[in-house]
C-alpha atoms as a PDB file:
ATOM      1  CA  MET A   1      83.574  96.119 100.148  1.00  0.00           C
ATOM      2  CA  ILE A   2      82.441  99.100  97.888  1.00  0.00           C
ATOM      3  CA  SER A   3      84.328 100.547  94.754  1.00  0.00           C
ATOM      4  CA  VAL A   4      83.705 104.063  93.645  1.00  0.00           C
ATOM      5  CA  CYS A   5      84.711 104.750  89.775  1.00  0.00           C
ATOM      6  CA  ILE A   6      85.223 108.724  88.497  1.00  0.00           C
ATOM      7  CA  ALA A   7      86.402 109.377  85.461  1.00  0.00           C
ATOM      8  CA  THR A   8      88.086 112.417  85.549  1.00  0.00           C
ATOM      9  CA  TYR A   9      89.498 115.032  82.838  1.00  0.00           C
ATOM     10  CA  ASN A  10      90.407 118.421  83.701  1.00  0.00           C
ATOM     11  CA  GLY A  11      88.215 118.733  86.895  1.00  0.00           C
ATOM     12  CA  GLN A  12      90.290 120.950  89.229  1.00  0.00           C
ATOM     13  CA  GLN A  13      87.578 123.034  90.069  1.00  0.00           C
ATOM     14  CA  TYR A  14      85.373 120.490  91.596  1.00  0.00           C
ATOM     15  CA  ILE A  15      87.322 117.003  92.432  1.00  0.00           C
ATOM     16  CA  SER A  16      87.880 117.963  95.707  1.00  0.00           C
ATOM     17  CA  GLU A  17      84.279 118.735  97.101  1.00  0.00           C
ATOM     18  CA  GLN A  18      83.418 115.762  95.546  1.00  0.00           C
ATOM     19  CA  LEU A  19      85.921 113.450  96.949  1.00  0.00           C
ATOM     20  CA  SER A  20      85.517 114.595 100.323  1.00  0.00           C
ATOM     21  CA  SER A  21      81.851 114.025 100.157  1.00  0.00           C
ATOM     22  CA  ILE A  22      82.668 109.892  99.186  1.00  0.00           C
ATOM     23  CA  LEU A  23      85.493 109.688 101.422  1.00  0.00           C
ATOM     24  CA  SER A  24      83.791 110.326 104.267  1.00  0.00           C
ATOM     25  CA  GLN A  25      81.249 107.600 103.670  1.00  0.00           C
ATOM     26  CA  LEU A  26      83.681 104.866 102.927  1.00  0.00           C
ATOM     27  CA  GLY A  27      84.945 102.147 105.496  1.00  0.00           C
ATOM     28  CA  GLU A  28      88.865 101.670 105.972  1.00  0.00           C
ATOM     29  CA  ASN A  29      88.633  98.624 103.170  1.00  0.00           C
ATOM     30  CA  ASP A  30      86.714 100.479 100.364  1.00  0.00           C
ATOM     31  CA  GLU A  31      88.070 101.678  97.304  1.00  0.00           C
ATOM     32  CA  VAL A  32      87.622 104.927  95.201  1.00  0.00           C
ATOM     33  CA  ILE A  33      88.987 104.540  91.865  1.00  0.00           C
ATOM     34  CA  VAL A  34      90.196 107.273  89.502  1.00  0.00           C
ATOM     35  CA  SER A  35      90.765 106.784  85.747  1.00  0.00           C
ATOM     36  CA  ASP A  36      92.163 110.076  84.413  1.00  0.00           C
ATOM     37  CA  ASP A  37      92.113 110.740  80.538  1.00  0.00           C
ATOM     38  CA  GLY A  38      95.059 112.620  80.307  1.00  0.00           C
ATOM     39  CA  SER A  39      94.252 115.922  82.456  1.00  0.00           C
ATOM     40  CA  VAL A  40      96.817 118.482  81.932  1.00  0.00           C
ATOM     41  CA  ASP A  41      95.382 120.832  84.645  1.00  0.00           C
ATOM     42  CA  SER A  42      96.095 119.787  88.342  1.00  0.00           C
ATOM     43  CA  THR A  43      93.285 117.396  88.775  1.00  0.00           C
ATOM     44  CA  LEU A  44      95.744 114.469  90.007  1.00  0.00           C
ATOM     45  CA  ASP A  45      97.752 116.827  92.156  1.00  0.00           C
ATOM     46  CA  ILE A  46      94.660 117.430  93.998  1.00  0.00           C
ATOM     47  CA  VAL A  47      93.459 113.501  93.789  1.00  0.00           C
ATOM     48  CA  ARG A  48      97.108 112.523  95.261  1.00  0.00           C
ATOM     49  CA  GLY A  49      97.138 115.485  97.480  1.00  0.00           C
ATOM     50  CA  PHE A  50      94.283 113.622  99.620  1.00  0.00           C
ATOM     51  CA  ASP A  51      97.052 111.285 100.579  1.00  0.00           C
ATOM     52  CA  ASP A  52      94.507 107.933 101.174  1.00  0.00           C
ATOM     53  CA  ASP A  53      95.403 105.012 100.669  1.00  0.00           C
ATOM     54  CA  ARG A  54      91.677 104.239  99.290  1.00  0.00           C
ATOM     55  CA  ILE A  55      92.120 106.205  96.352  1.00  0.00           C
ATOM     56  CA  ARG A  56      93.912 104.643  93.487  1.00  0.00           C
ATOM     57  CA  VAL A  57      94.854 106.217  90.255  1.00  0.00           C
ATOM     58  CA  VAL A  58      94.682 104.396  87.171  1.00  0.00           C
ATOM     59  CA  GLU A  59      95.547 106.634  83.846  1.00  0.00           C
ATOM     60  CA  GLY A  60      94.384 105.752  80.471  1.00  0.00           C
ATOM     61  CA  PRO A  61      95.199 105.852  77.774  1.00  0.00           C
ATOM     62  CA  CYS A  62      91.591 106.370  77.101  1.00  0.00           C
ATOM     63  CA  LYS A  63      89.642 108.997  74.632  1.00  0.00           C
ATOM     64  CA  GLY A  64      85.913 109.720  76.165  1.00  0.00           C
ATOM     65  CA  VAL A  65      83.956 109.097  79.158  1.00  0.00           C
ATOM     66  CA  VAL A  66      83.205 105.620  78.129  1.00  0.00           C
ATOM     67  CA  CYS A  67      86.510 104.265  77.823  1.00  0.00           C
ATOM     68  CA  ASN A  68      87.722 106.168  80.940  1.00  0.00           C
ATOM     69  CA  PHE A  69      84.752 104.584  83.060  1.00  0.00           C
ATOM     70  CA  GLU A  70      85.427 101.153  81.576  1.00  0.00           C
ATOM     71  CA  ASN A  71      89.077 101.539  82.345  1.00  0.00           C
ATOM     72  CA  ALA A  72      87.902 102.319  86.054  1.00  0.00           C
ATOM     73  CA  LEU A  73      85.365  99.153  85.771  1.00  0.00           C
ATOM     74  CA  LYS A  74      88.520  97.156  85.087  1.00  0.00           C
ATOM     75  CA  HIS A  75      90.209  98.063  88.574  1.00  0.00           C
ATOM     76  CA  VAL A  76      87.505  97.624  91.057  1.00  0.00           C
ATOM     77  CA  LYS A  77      87.854  94.937  93.548  1.00  0.00           C
ATOM     78  CA  GLY A  78      84.383  95.481  95.431  1.00  0.00           C
ATOM     79  CA  ASP A  79      81.084  93.627  95.740  1.00  0.00           C
ATOM     80  CA  TYR A  80      79.503  97.228  95.382  1.00  0.00           C
ATOM     81  CA  ILE A  81      80.474  99.561  92.753  1.00  0.00           C
ATOM     82  CA  PHE A  82      79.402 103.057  92.424  1.00  0.00           C
ATOM     83  CA  PHE A  83      79.543 105.522  89.406  1.00  0.00           C
ATOM     84  CA  SER A  84      80.480 109.244  90.312  1.00  0.00           C
ATOM     85  CA  ASP A  85      81.210 111.915  88.474  1.00  0.00           C
ATOM     86  CA  GLN A  86      83.821 114.680  89.058  1.00  0.00           C
ATOM     87  CA  ASP A  87      82.260 117.374  89.426  1.00  0.00           C
ATOM     88  CA  ASP A  88      79.110 116.462  91.984  1.00  0.00           C
ATOM     89  CA  ILE A  89      78.354 116.045  95.409  1.00  0.00           C
ATOM     90  CA  TRP A  90      76.950 113.181  97.182  1.00  0.00           C
ATOM     91  CA  THR A  91      74.549 113.627 100.150  1.00  0.00           C
ATOM     92  CA  SER A  92      75.713 112.536 103.391  1.00  0.00           C
ATOM     93  CA  ASP A  93      73.608 109.137 103.428  1.00  0.00           C
ATOM     94  CA  LYS A  94      74.189 108.188  99.888  1.00  0.00           C
ATOM     95  CA  VAL A  95      75.937 105.260 100.503  1.00  0.00           C
ATOM     96  CA  ALA A  96      73.948 103.995 103.346  1.00  0.00           C
ATOM     97  CA  VAL A  97      70.773 104.215 101.333  1.00  0.00           C
ATOM     98  CA  SER A  98      71.963 102.537  98.289  1.00  0.00           C
ATOM     99  CA  LEU A  99      73.456  99.667  99.971  1.00  0.00           C
ATOM    100  CA  GLU A 100      69.989  98.733 101.513  1.00  0.00           C
ATOM    101  CA  TYR A 101      68.374  99.050  98.190  1.00  0.00           C
ATOM    102  CA  LEU A 102      71.271  97.179  96.595  1.00  0.00           C
ATOM    103  CA  LYS A 103      69.940  94.036  99.354  1.00  0.00           C
ATOM    104  CA  THR A 104      67.099  93.674  96.793  1.00  0.00           C
ATOM    105  CA  TYR A 105      68.120  95.189  93.878  1.00  0.00           C
ATOM    106  CA  ALA A 106      71.180  94.375  91.324  1.00  0.00           C
ATOM    107  CA  CYS A 107      71.057  98.192  90.100  1.00  0.00           C
ATOM    108  CA  ILE A 108      70.014 101.327  91.400  1.00  0.00           C
ATOM    109  CA  VAL A 109      69.714 105.091  90.210  1.00  0.00           C
ATOM    110  CA  SER A 110      68.560 107.438  92.265  1.00  0.00           C
ATOM    111  CA  ASP A 111      67.150 110.916  92.144  1.00  0.00           C
ATOM    112  CA  ALA A 112      69.482 113.971  92.546  1.00  0.00           C
ATOM    113  CA  TYR A 113      68.922 117.444  93.317  1.00  0.00           C
ATOM    114  CA  VAL A 114      70.223 119.885  90.336  1.00  0.00           C
ATOM    115  CA  VAL A 115      72.132 122.219  91.272  1.00  0.00           C
ATOM    116  CA  ASP A 116      74.310 125.127  89.030  1.00  0.00           C
ATOM    117  CA  ALA A 117      78.367 125.789  89.431  1.00  0.00           C
ATOM    118  CA  GLU A 118      78.597 127.232  92.752  1.00  0.00           C
ATOM    119  CA  SER A 119      76.334 124.469  94.140  1.00  0.00           C
ATOM    120  CA  ASN A 120      73.142 126.609  94.674  1.00  0.00           C
ATOM    121  CA  LYS A 121      70.012 124.299  93.721  1.00  0.00           C
ATOM    122  CA  VAL A 122      67.946 125.256  90.699  1.00  0.00           C
ATOM    123  CA  LEU A 123      65.622 122.050  90.748  1.00  0.00           C
ATOM    124  CA  ASP A 124      64.429 119.924  93.529  1.00  0.00           C
ATOM    125  CA  SER A 125      64.179 116.506  91.499  1.00  0.00           C
ATOM    126  CA  PHE A 126      66.097 115.639  87.989  1.00  0.00           C
ATOM    127  CA  PHE A 127      63.848 112.635  88.196  1.00  0.00           C
ATOM    128  CA  GLU A 128      60.829 114.993  87.805  1.00  0.00           C
ATOM    129  CA  TYR A 129      62.663 117.516  85.151  1.00  0.00           C
ATOM    130  CA  ASN A 130      63.356 114.606  83.170  1.00  0.00           C
ATOM    131  CA  GLY A 131      60.665 112.433  82.837  1.00  0.00           C
ATOM    132  CA  THR A 132      62.369 109.746  84.317  1.00  0.00           C
ATOM    133  CA  ARG A 133      60.326 106.306  84.298  1.00  0.00           C
ATOM    134  CA  LYS A 134      61.071 102.486  84.631  1.00  0.00           C
ATOM    135  CA  GLY A 135      61.112 100.246  81.513  1.00  0.00           C
ATOM    136  CA  PHE A 136      63.237  98.751  79.261  1.00  0.00           C
ATOM    137  CA  LEU A 137      61.515  99.903  75.998  1.00  0.00           C
ATOM    138  CA  LYS A 138      61.566 103.812  77.249  1.00  0.00           C
ATOM    139  CA  ASN A 139      64.982 104.098  78.162  1.00  0.00           C
ATOM    140  CA  LEU A 140      66.809 102.335  75.188  1.00  0.00           C
ATOM    141  CA  LEU A 141      64.382 103.712  72.443  1.00  0.00           C
ATOM    142  CA  LEU A 142      62.829 106.901  73.702  1.00  0.00           C
ATOM    143  CA  LYS A 143      64.959 108.675  76.359  1.00  0.00           C
ATOM    144  CA  ASN A 144      67.887 107.145  78.491  1.00  0.00           C
ATOM    145  CA  GLY A 145      66.831 108.010  82.476  1.00  0.00           C
ATOM    146  CA  TYR A 146      69.940 105.611  83.258  1.00  0.00           C
ATOM    147  CA  THR A 147      71.830 109.047  84.910  1.00  0.00           C
ATOM    148  CA  GLY A 148      75.292 107.292  85.601  1.00  0.00           C
ATOM    149  CA  CYS A 149      76.277 109.720  88.184  1.00  0.00           C
ATOM    150  CA  CYS A 150      73.441 108.496  90.147  1.00  0.00           C
ATOM    151  CA  MET A 151      73.817 105.077  89.516  1.00  0.00           C
ATOM    152  CA  ALA A 152      75.107 101.780  91.899  1.00  0.00           C
ATOM    153  CA  PHE A 153      74.905  98.448  91.118  1.00  0.00           C
ATOM    154  CA  ARG A 154      76.291  94.596  92.104  1.00  0.00           C
ATOM    155  CA  ARG A 155      79.563  93.198  90.846  1.00  0.00           C
ATOM    156  CA  GLU A 156      77.661  90.875  89.080  1.00  0.00           C
ATOM    157  CA  LEU A 157      76.550  92.602  86.644  1.00  0.00           C
ATOM    158  CA  LEU A 158      80.269  93.217  84.828  1.00  0.00           C
ATOM    159  CA  ASP A 159      79.650  89.584  83.810  1.00  0.00           C
ATOM    160  CA  LYS A 160      77.812  90.820  81.158  1.00  0.00           C
ATOM    161  CA  ALA A 161      78.673  94.047  81.291  1.00  0.00           C
ATOM    162  CA  LEU A 162      82.288  94.205  79.992  1.00  0.00           C
ATOM    163  CA  PRO A 163      83.897  94.314  77.716  1.00  0.00           C
ATOM    164  CA  PHE A 164      81.876  97.503  76.417  1.00  0.00           C
ATOM    165  CA  PRO A 165      80.686  96.891  72.789  1.00  0.00           C
ATOM    166  CA  GLU A 166      82.024  99.603  70.575  1.00  0.00           C
ATOM    167  CA  ASP A 167      80.071 102.558  69.784  1.00  0.00           C
ATOM    168  CA  ILE A 168      77.908 102.379  72.778  1.00  0.00           C
ATOM    169  CA  PRO A 169      76.439 105.969  73.374  1.00  0.00           C
ATOM    170  CA  MET A 170      77.463 106.082  77.127  1.00  0.00           C
ATOM    171  CA  HIS A 171      78.289 104.101  80.236  1.00  0.00           C
ATOM    172  CA  ASP A 172      75.210 104.318  81.846  1.00  0.00           C
ATOM    173  CA  ILE A 173      72.496 103.410  79.231  1.00  0.00           C
ATOM    174  CA  TRP A 174      74.237 100.276  78.505  1.00  0.00           C
ATOM    175  CA  ILE A 175      74.856  99.426  82.282  1.00  0.00           C
ATOM    176  CA  GLY A 176      71.531 100.646  83.227  1.00  0.00           C
ATOM    177  CA  ASN A 177      69.668  98.239  80.384  1.00  0.00           C
ATOM    178  CA  ILE A 178      71.851  95.183  81.155  1.00  0.00           C
ATOM    179  CA  ALA A 179      70.422  95.646  84.624  1.00  0.00           C
ATOM    180  CA  GLU A 180      66.956  95.622  83.514  1.00  0.00           C
ATOM    181  CA  ILE A 181      66.786  92.492  81.210  1.00  0.00           C
ATOM    182  CA  PHE A 182      69.245  90.436  82.977  1.00  0.00           C
ATOM    183  CA  TYR A 183      69.391  91.217  86.542  1.00  0.00           C
ATOM    184  CA  SER A 184      67.131  93.270  88.562  1.00  0.00           C
ATOM    185  CA  PHE A 185      66.614  97.323  88.860  1.00  0.00           C
ATOM    186  CA  SER A 186      64.981  99.832  90.612  1.00  0.00           C
ATOM    187  CA  PHE A 187      64.874 103.759  89.987  1.00  0.00           C
ATOM    188  CA  VAL A 188      64.544 104.964  93.745  1.00  0.00           C
ATOM    189  CA  PRO A 189      63.272 108.151  94.679  1.00  0.00           C
ATOM    190  CA  GLU A 190      65.722 109.213  97.423  1.00  0.00           C
ATOM    191  CA  LYS A 191      67.894 112.132  96.116  1.00  0.00           C
ATOM    192  CA  LEU A 192      71.114 110.954  96.721  1.00  0.00           C
ATOM    193  CA  ILE A 193      73.679 113.519  95.140  1.00  0.00           C
ATOM    194  CA  ARG A 194      73.580 117.175  94.383  1.00  0.00           C
ATOM    195  CA  TYR A 195      74.325 117.041  90.239  1.00  0.00           C
ATOM    196  CA  ARG A 196      76.307 120.075  89.209  1.00  0.00           C
ATOM    197  CA  ARG A 197      75.412 121.416  85.753  1.00  0.00           C
ATOM    198  CA  HIS A 198      77.666 123.781  84.155  1.00  0.00           C
ATOM    199  CA  GLY A 199      79.687 124.746  80.772  1.00  0.00           C
ATOM    200  CA  SER A 200      82.022 122.066  81.097  1.00  0.00           C
ATOM    201  CA  ASN A 201      79.819 118.956  81.871  1.00  0.00           C
ATOM    202  CA  ALA A 202      80.621 116.193  79.543  1.00  0.00           C
ATOM    203  CA  THR A 203      77.360 114.489  79.164  1.00  0.00           C
ATOM    204  CA  MET A 204      74.569 116.409  77.511  1.00  0.00           C
ATOM    205  CA  THR A 205      71.977 115.674  80.388  1.00  0.00           C
ATOM    206  CA  LEU A 206      69.696 118.698  81.134  1.00  0.00           C
ATOM    207  CA  ARG A 207      70.205 120.702  77.156  1.00  0.00           C
ATOM    208  CA  LEU A 208      66.648 120.383  75.959  1.00  0.00           C
ATOM    209  CA  THR A 209      67.570 119.561  72.819  1.00  0.00           C
ATOM    210  CA  SER A 210      70.303 116.603  71.599  1.00  0.00           C
ATOM    211  CA  ARG A 211      73.072 117.452  68.996  1.00  0.00           C
ATOM    212  CA  ASN A 212      72.328 114.415  66.904  1.00  0.00           C
ATOM    213  CA  SER A 213      70.503 113.983  64.148  1.00  0.00           C
ATOM    214  CA  LEU A 214      67.159 111.716  64.007  1.00  0.00           C
ATOM    215  CA  LEU A 215      69.280 108.645  62.034  1.00  0.00           C
ATOM    216  CA  LYS A 216      72.108 109.167  64.641  1.00  0.00           C
ATOM    217  CA  LYS A 217      69.973 108.619  67.395  1.00  0.00           C
ATOM    218  CA  ILE A 218      68.357 105.173  65.531  1.00  0.00           C
ATOM    219  CA  PHE A 219      71.883 104.329  64.928  1.00  0.00           C
ATOM    220  CA  ILE A 220      73.300 104.215  68.214  1.00  0.00           C
ATOM    221  CA  ARG A 221      69.900 102.526  69.685  1.00  0.00           C
ATOM    222  CA  VAL A 222      70.492  99.792  67.273  1.00  0.00           C
ATOM    223  CA  LYS A 223      73.924  99.421  68.033  1.00  0.00           C
ATOM    224  CA  VAL A 224      73.070  99.181  71.940  1.00  0.00           C
ATOM    225  CA  LEU A 225      70.158  96.768  70.607  1.00  0.00           C
ATOM    226  CA  ILE A 226      72.431  94.408  69.110  1.00  0.00           C
ATOM    227  CA  ALA A 227      74.942  94.247  71.523  1.00  0.00           C
ATOM    228  CA  LEU A 228      72.403  92.845  74.124  1.00  0.00           C
ATOM    229  CA  LEU A 229      70.659  90.479  71.773  1.00  0.00           C
ATOM    230  CA  LYS A 230      74.037  89.106  71.303  1.00  0.00           C
ATOM    231  CA  ILE A 231      74.063  88.508  74.978  1.00  0.00           C
ATOM    232  CA  VAL A 232      71.136  86.927  74.773  1.00  0.00           C
ATOM    233  CA  VAL A 233      72.068  84.661  72.080  1.00  0.00           C
ATOM    234  CA  PHE A 234      75.693  83.908  73.393  1.00  0.00           C
ATOM    235  CA  GLY A 235      75.725  84.337  77.331  1.00  0.00           C
ATOM    236  CA  ALA A 236      78.089  86.337  79.457  1.00  0.00           C
ATOM    237  CA  ARG A 237      81.014  89.066  77.886  1.00  0.00           C
ATOM    238  CA  ARG A 238      83.169  88.991  80.967  1.00  0.00           C
ATOM    239  CA  LYS A 239      86.953  87.332  80.062  1.00  0.00           C
END
């Protein structure tokens, strides 16, 4: 069984196209968990308008994308979990290709085409642009390559990943490091989504400079490292 987790907030412009690209690849027993963080536009009307029993809406309260994804994860039933942003487009082979890799790895992050607001391709490889490379130290201490919207993983990761530690910068860097350290992980070269970048994106990816100060960057990484070390010492987190 597959569970797709989508965190929504005022995503009416693109959510229909994204849901259509996902649902066309799922079986009748799979599910899409839509966790909404208090949208005030037509997002939930559009989602419910699909009238598809595979879609479950689980509303907050949440404040921010990290909490929103954690809320979705708390409701999943599937053996294989896919993260999805509300504004991208999945390629038609995303699920099939990902499941093949998940036979070998507990977690994967695929490459992506980068597109603009109108879905016009602007970059042929997000990995190339981002300098994405495998490695715990690089992705934790230097630059996060664990892009959430390109991530899929086996359910077993939740035993150590949930509940999320307080103040982690993003859900994806936490899941990626959990997989890299305690399970098995791979970046895969196939481009499996059209990664839409526009003025309302929640993440900072593709900004040329981070808005965080050097001190803030160090503080964030120390928090993640401490949380990881606690798992090493005390074991599983999930209750």
